Amino acid sequence: MRKNVTMPAGEMWMEVVEGEVVSQQKWSETHVRGSGGGGYINQGSGQIASTQIISSTSEQLEFWVKSDDGKETAFRLSDVDMAVRAGQRVRIASGTKAGGKKKSTPLLAQNFASGETHALISDWQRWALSAGLLRRPLWYRLLTNWVTLSLAVICALVLLHQHTHPEASRALDHLMAHANGVIPVAELTGTLMEQAASGGSELVRETRQWVDGGADLSKGKVASNGIALFGFVLFLWLAFALALKLAGRMLLSLVWSRGAGRDVRKRVLAAFEAPAAVRA
């Protein structure tokens, strides 16, 4: 049966299978990978780096559930602390975004014989994000997208203005020299914004000269400057995006991630336990 569950970023289809376990098996899988081993030998001398072998083991559980209508469904779970044997009655819930094409993920399992309900995923927040059922908060999306682009453009325009007017750079140096160890945030911000505005005005002026001059590029270097400016903005955007994304992820883990994961799990568990309306 299917239940519609309202999630923070859309509707989820919850598929619930209930029936008797007809077979089950458990086994371990070991994954091995190696790295290193490079080096050189020349005329009997040289060095070979040691090879590092990394192995990991996962516990696999597979069982078949026969529903009351005779349909049999197979479930395969990895690293789930759940005990089940043939003859026991269970109920399994899987979820995916409504209307989506992603495969449904097993979320919860209830063993009626033991009375236990098991979570089949460990990180609810990560699963909901990957399934499109949860979105990071607006402040994070602004911080890692539009704020980074704005900072990149402002810095590029400031440097463009300072390249044309060296006295602008000296003005900033003078401002910081008289700060007495304390960064004058208000004055520094105002100065940078003024220089960014001047750099933008100069760029617009050169663009107009180029347009008015037609194909004659001697009236302005807007073509070469534009390419250089675009590349510099792109470089700064990537640098700011990396730095602010790292800072944003730290803030998310402190003030949002745990609460969001608990909310997702609470919604899924409530829909799983409630005798909600069933839609074929």
Protein backbone atom coordinates (compact mmCIF):
# COMPACT_ATOMS: atom_id res chain seq x y z
CA MET A 1 0.00 0.00 0.00
CA ARG A 2 1.04 3.57 -0.57
CA LYS A 3 0.83 6.54 1.79
CA ASN A 4 1.42 10.17 0.88
CA VAL A 5 3.62 11.90 3.45
CA THR A 6 4.18 15.66 3.58
CA MET A 7 7.89 16.42 3.87
CA PRO A 8 9.72 19.76 4.22
CA ALA A 9 10.39 20.01 0.46
CA GLY A 10 7.51 18.12 -1.14
CA GLU A 11 5.43 14.96 -0.98
CA MET A 12 6.87 11.52 -0.35
CA TRP A 13 5.43 8.25 -1.54
CA MET A 14 5.74 5.69 1.23
CA GLU A 15 5.33 2.11 0.07
CA VAL A 16 4.43 -0.23 2.94
CA VAL A 17 4.81 -4.00 2.60
CA GLU A 18 3.40 -6.22 5.34
CA GLY A 19 3.49 -9.99 5.46
CA GLU A 20 5.31 -13.12 6.53
CA VAL A 21 9.02 -13.70 6.11
CA VAL A 22 9.42 -16.82 3.96
CA SER A 23 13.23 -16.88 3.80
CA GLN A 24 16.24 -14.95 5.02
CA GLN A 25 20.01 -15.10 4.84
CA LYS A 26 22.90 -13.10 6.29
CA TRP A 27 26.51 -12.87 5.13
CA SER A 28 29.53 -10.58 5.28
CA GLU A 29 31.14 -8.79 2.37
CA THR A 30 34.74 -7.58 2.48
CA HIS A 31 35.92 -4.82 0.16
CA VAL A 32 39.66 -4.38 -0.37
CA ARG A 33 41.43 -1.55 -2.14
CA GLY A 34 45.07 -0.58 -2.36
CA SER A 35 47.02 2.59 -2.96
CA GLY A 36 50.67 3.50 -3.39
CA GLY A 37 53.33 1.19 -4.73
CA GLY A 38 54.83 3.73 -7.14
CA GLY A 39 58.52 4.52 -7.48
CA TYR A 40 61.52 3.94 -9.70
CA ILE A 41 64.67 1.84 -9.98
CA ASN A 42 67.62 2.95 -12.10
CA GLN A 43 70.83 0.90 -12.39
CA GLY A 44 70.21 -0.90 -9.15
CA SER A 45 69.24 2.15 -7.09
CA GLY A 46 65.94 3.87 -6.43
CA GLN A 47 62.93 3.48 -4.22
CA ILE A 48 59.55 1.86 -4.26
CA ALA A 49 56.75 3.24 -2.10
CA SER A 50 54.97 0.72 0.10
CA THR A 51 51.48 -0.33 -0.88
CA GLN A 52 48.69 0.48 1.55
CA ILE A 53 45.87 -2.03 1.74
CA ILE A 54 42.54 -0.84 3.14
CA SER A 55 39.73 -3.30 3.79
CA SER A 56 36.19 -2.81 5.05
CA THR A 57 33.53 -5.34 5.98
CA SER A 58 29.77 -4.90 5.72
CA GLU A 59 27.00 -7.12 7.01
CA GLN A 60 24.32 -8.02 4.47
CA LEU A 61 20.78 -9.15 5.24
CA GLU A 62 18.37 -10.37 2.58
CA PHE A 63 14.86 -11.65 3.17
CA TRP A 64 11.67 -12.27 1.26
CA VAL A 65 8.27 -11.10 2.50
CA LYS A 66 5.04 -12.69 1.29
CA SER A 67 2.08 -10.30 1.52
CA ASP A 68 -1.46 -11.37 2.29
CA ASP A 69 -2.30 -11.14 -1.42
CA GLY A 70 0.40 -13.69 -2.23
CA LYS A 71 2.93 -11.24 -3.69
CA GLU A 72 6.55 -11.77 -2.62
CA THR A 73 8.99 -8.87 -2.21
CA ALA A 74 12.74 -9.08 -1.60
CA PHE A 75 14.64 -6.68 0.66
CA ARG A 76 18.40 -6.38 0.94
CA LEU A 77 19.86 -4.29 3.75
CA SER A 78 23.45 -3.36 4.62
CA ASP A 79 24.84 -2.91 8.14
CA VAL A 80 21.42 -2.92 9.82
CA ASP A 81 21.11 -4.27 13.36
CA MET A 82 17.92 -6.21 12.77
CA ALA A 83 17.06 -9.82 13.60
CA VAL A 84 14.43 -11.62 11.57
CA ARG A 85 13.68 -15.25 10.74
CA ALA A 86 11.31 -17.20 8.57
CA GLY A 87 7.74 -17.34 9.83
CA GLN A 88 7.79 -13.94 11.54
CA ARG A 89 5.45 -11.16 10.43
CA VAL A 90 7.06 -7.87 9.49
CA ARG A 91 6.15 -4.54 8.00
CA ILE A 92 8.64 -2.60 5.81
CA ALA A 93 8.31 1.02 4.68
CA SER A 94 10.22 2.43 1.71
CA GLY A 95 10.13 6.02 0.51
CA THR A 96 10.90 8.21 -2.48
CA LYS A 97 9.89 11.65 -3.72
CA ALA A 98 6.41 11.69 -5.21
CA GLY A 99 6.55 11.67 -8.99
CA GLY A 100 10.29 11.07 -9.02
CA LYS A 101 12.22 8.39 -10.88
CA LYS A 102 14.59 7.39 -8.08
CA LYS A 103 14.32 3.92 -6.62
CA SER A 104 12.47 3.71 -3.33
CA THR A 105 14.75 3.41 -0.26
CA PRO A 106 13.88 1.11 2.68
CA LEU A 107 13.38 3.35 5.72
CA LEU A 108 11.72 1.50 8.59
CA ALA A 109 11.04 -2.13 9.54
CA GLN A 110 8.75 -3.46 12.24
CA ASN A 111 9.01 -7.01 13.55
CA PHE A 112 5.65 -7.95 15.09
CA ALA A 113 7.15 -11.01 16.83
CA SER A 114 9.73 -9.00 18.77
CA GLY A 115 7.75 -5.75 18.88
CA GLU A 116 10.75 -3.79 17.65
CA THR A 117 10.87 -1.06 15.01
CA HIS A 118 14.21 -0.53 13.30
CA ALA A 119 15.51 2.47 11.35
CA LEU A 120 17.08 1.19 8.14
CA ILE A 121 19.08 4.35 7.39
CA SER A 122 21.54 6.04 9.71
CA ASP A 123 21.50 9.63 8.42
CA TRP A 124 17.97 10.90 7.84
CA GLN A 125 19.05 14.39 6.88
CA ARG A 126 21.46 13.18 4.19
CA TRP A 127 18.90 10.78 2.76
CA ALA A 128 16.17 13.45 2.61
CA LEU A 129 18.53 15.88 0.86
CA SER A 130 19.56 13.29 -1.74
CA ALA A 131 15.91 12.31 -2.29
CA GLY A 132 14.86 15.93 -2.86
CA LEU A 133 12.57 15.91 0.20
CA LEU A 134 14.59 18.44 2.19
CA ARG A 135 16.28 21.71 1.26
CA ARG A 136 19.03 23.48 3.10
CA PRO A 137 17.91 26.76 4.72
CA LEU A 138 17.68 29.96 2.68
CA TRP A 139 20.56 31.65 4.50
CA TYR A 140 22.90 28.79 3.48
CA ARG A 141 21.86 28.93 -0.18
CA LEU A 142 22.35 32.70 -0.23
CA LEU A 143 25.70 32.42 1.54
CA THR A 144 27.12 29.82 -0.84
CA ASN A 145 25.68 31.25 -4.07
CA TRP A 146 24.74 34.92 -4.32
CA VAL A 147 26.94 36.21 -1.49
CA THR A 148 30.00 34.52 -2.99
CA LEU A 149 29.25 35.93 -6.45
CA SER A 150 28.68 39.43 -5.02
CA LEU A 151 31.97 39.33 -3.10
CA ALA A 152 33.82 38.14 -6.20
CA VAL A 153 32.40 40.96 -8.34
CA ILE A 154 33.11 43.61 -5.67
CA CYS A 155 36.71 42.44 -5.18
CA ALA A 156 37.32 42.32 -8.93
CA LEU A 157 35.98 45.86 -9.39
CA VAL A 158 38.04 47.14 -6.46
CA LEU A 159 41.22 45.67 -7.92
CA LEU A 160 40.32 47.05 -11.35
CA HIS A 161 39.96 50.53 -9.84
CA GLN A 162 43.23 50.20 -7.88
CA HIS A 163 45.04 49.06 -11.01
CA THR A 164 43.91 52.22 -12.81
CA HIS A 165 44.33 54.50 -9.79
CA PRO A 166 47.26 53.46 -7.55
CA GLU A 167 46.29 56.16 -5.02
CA ALA A 168 43.21 54.07 -4.16
CA SER A 169 45.45 51.29 -2.90
CA ARG A 170 47.46 53.76 -0.86
CA ALA A 171 44.24 55.05 0.70
CA LEU A 172 43.43 51.57 1.96
CA ASP A 173 46.95 51.14 3.31
CA HIS A 174 46.66 54.47 5.11
CA LEU A 175 43.32 53.47 6.60
CA MET A 176 44.69 50.19 7.96
CA ALA A 177 47.90 51.82 9.21
CA HIS A 178 45.92 54.08 11.57
CA ALA A 179 43.63 51.31 12.83
CA ASN A 180 45.74 50.64 15.97
CA GLY A 181 45.27 46.90 15.69
CA VAL A 182 41.46 47.08 15.34
CA ILE A 183 39.91 46.59 11.90
CA PRO A 184 37.67 49.60 11.11
CA VAL A 185 34.85 47.57 9.62
CA ALA A 186 32.53 50.46 8.79
CA GLU A 187 35.20 52.66 7.22
CA LEU A 188 36.78 49.75 5.37
CA THR A 189 33.43 48.59 3.99
CA GLY A 190 32.53 52.10 2.85
CA THR A 191 35.89 52.59 1.14
CA LEU A 192 35.71 49.24 -0.65
CA MET A 193 32.16 49.89 -1.84
CA GLU A 194 33.16 53.32 -3.16
CA GLN A 195 36.12 51.83 -5.03
CA ALA A 196 33.94 49.01 -6.41
CA ALA A 197 31.43 51.58 -7.67
CA SER A 198 34.27 53.56 -9.28
CA GLY A 199 35.62 50.40 -10.90
CA GLY A 200 32.16 49.61 -12.25
CA SER A 201 31.78 53.12 -13.63
CA GLU A 202 35.13 52.88 -15.37
CA LEU A 203 34.16 49.54 -16.89
CA VAL A 204 30.86 50.97 -18.15
CA ARG A 205 32.65 54.00 -19.59
CA GLU A 206 35.13 51.85 -21.49
CA THR A 207 32.28 49.70 -22.77
CA ARG A 208 30.46 52.75 -24.10
CA GLN A 209 33.62 53.97 -25.79
CA TRP A 210 34.05 50.60 -27.45
CA VAL A 211 30.42 50.56 -28.62
CA ASP A 212 30.64 54.10 -29.94
CA GLY A 213 33.90 53.28 -31.73
CA GLY A 214 32.41 50.32 -33.57
CA ALA A 215 35.13 47.93 -34.67
CA ASP A 216 37.91 50.34 -33.67
CA LEU A 217 39.28 48.82 -30.46
CA SER A 218 41.88 51.58 -30.01
CA LYS A 219 39.36 53.67 -28.05
CA GLY A 220 39.27 51.15 -25.21
CA LYS A 221 40.68 47.88 -24.03
CA VAL A 222 37.32 46.57 -22.97
CA ALA A 223 37.71 43.29 -24.87
CA SER A 224 40.94 42.23 -23.16
CA ASN A 225 39.89 43.80 -19.86
CA GLY A 226 36.53 42.07 -20.05
CA ILE A 227 38.08 38.65 -20.57
CA ALA A 228 40.56 39.22 -17.76
CA LEU A 229 37.84 40.54 -15.47
CA PHE A 230 35.57 37.58 -16.22
CA GLY A 231 38.37 35.10 -15.46
CA PHE A 232 39.29 36.90 -12.27
CA VAL A 233 35.67 37.03 -11.09
CA LEU A 234 35.33 33.32 -11.80
CA PHE A 235 38.49 32.57 -9.82
CA LEU A 236 37.36 34.67 -6.86
CA TRP A 237 33.87 33.16 -7.02
CA LEU A 238 35.28 29.64 -6.74
CA ALA A 239 37.65 30.66 -3.92
CA PHE A 240 34.91 32.42 -1.93
CA ALA A 241 32.47 29.59 -2.61
CA LEU A 242 34.89 27.01 -1.21
CA ALA A 243 35.64 29.06 1.91
CA LEU A 244 32.04 30.04 2.63
CA LYS A 245 30.74 26.54 1.90
CA LEU A 246 33.11 25.12 4.50
CA ALA A 247 31.99 27.76 7.00
CA GLY A 248 28.35 27.18 6.06
CA ARG A 249 28.65 23.42 6.54
CA MET A 250 30.05 23.99 10.02
CA LEU A 251 27.14 26.28 10.89
CA LEU A 252 24.67 23.78 9.41
CA SER A 253 26.03 20.98 11.59
CA LEU A 254 25.70 23.18 14.67
CA VAL A 255 22.30 24.81 14.20
CA TRP A 256 20.34 22.89 11.56
CA SER A 257 21.38 19.36 10.56
CA ARG A 258 20.38 17.45 13.68
CA GLY A 259 17.03 19.18 14.00
CA ALA A 260 16.27 18.66 10.31
CA GLY A 261 17.15 14.96 10.55
CA ARG A 262 14.95 14.50 13.61
CA ASP A 263 12.05 16.24 11.89
CA VAL A 264 12.33 13.99 8.82
CA ARG A 265 12.48 10.85 10.96
CA LYS A 266 9.51 12.02 13.05
CA ARG A 267 7.35 12.57 9.94
CA VAL A 268 8.26 9.20 8.45
CA LEU A 269 7.71 7.33 11.72
CA ALA A 270 4.34 9.03 12.33
CA ALA A 271 3.12 8.06 8.86
CA PHE A 272 4.46 4.52 9.31
CA GLU A 273 2.66 3.95 12.61
CA ALA A 274 -0.58 5.76 11.82
CA PRO A 275 -3.43 3.92 10.03
CA ALA A 276 -3.50 6.63 7.36
CA ALA A 277 -5.70 6.57 4.28
CA VAL A 278 -4.40 4.16 1.69
CA ARG A 279 -4.13 5.05 -1.98
CA ALA A 280 -3.74 2.29 -4.54
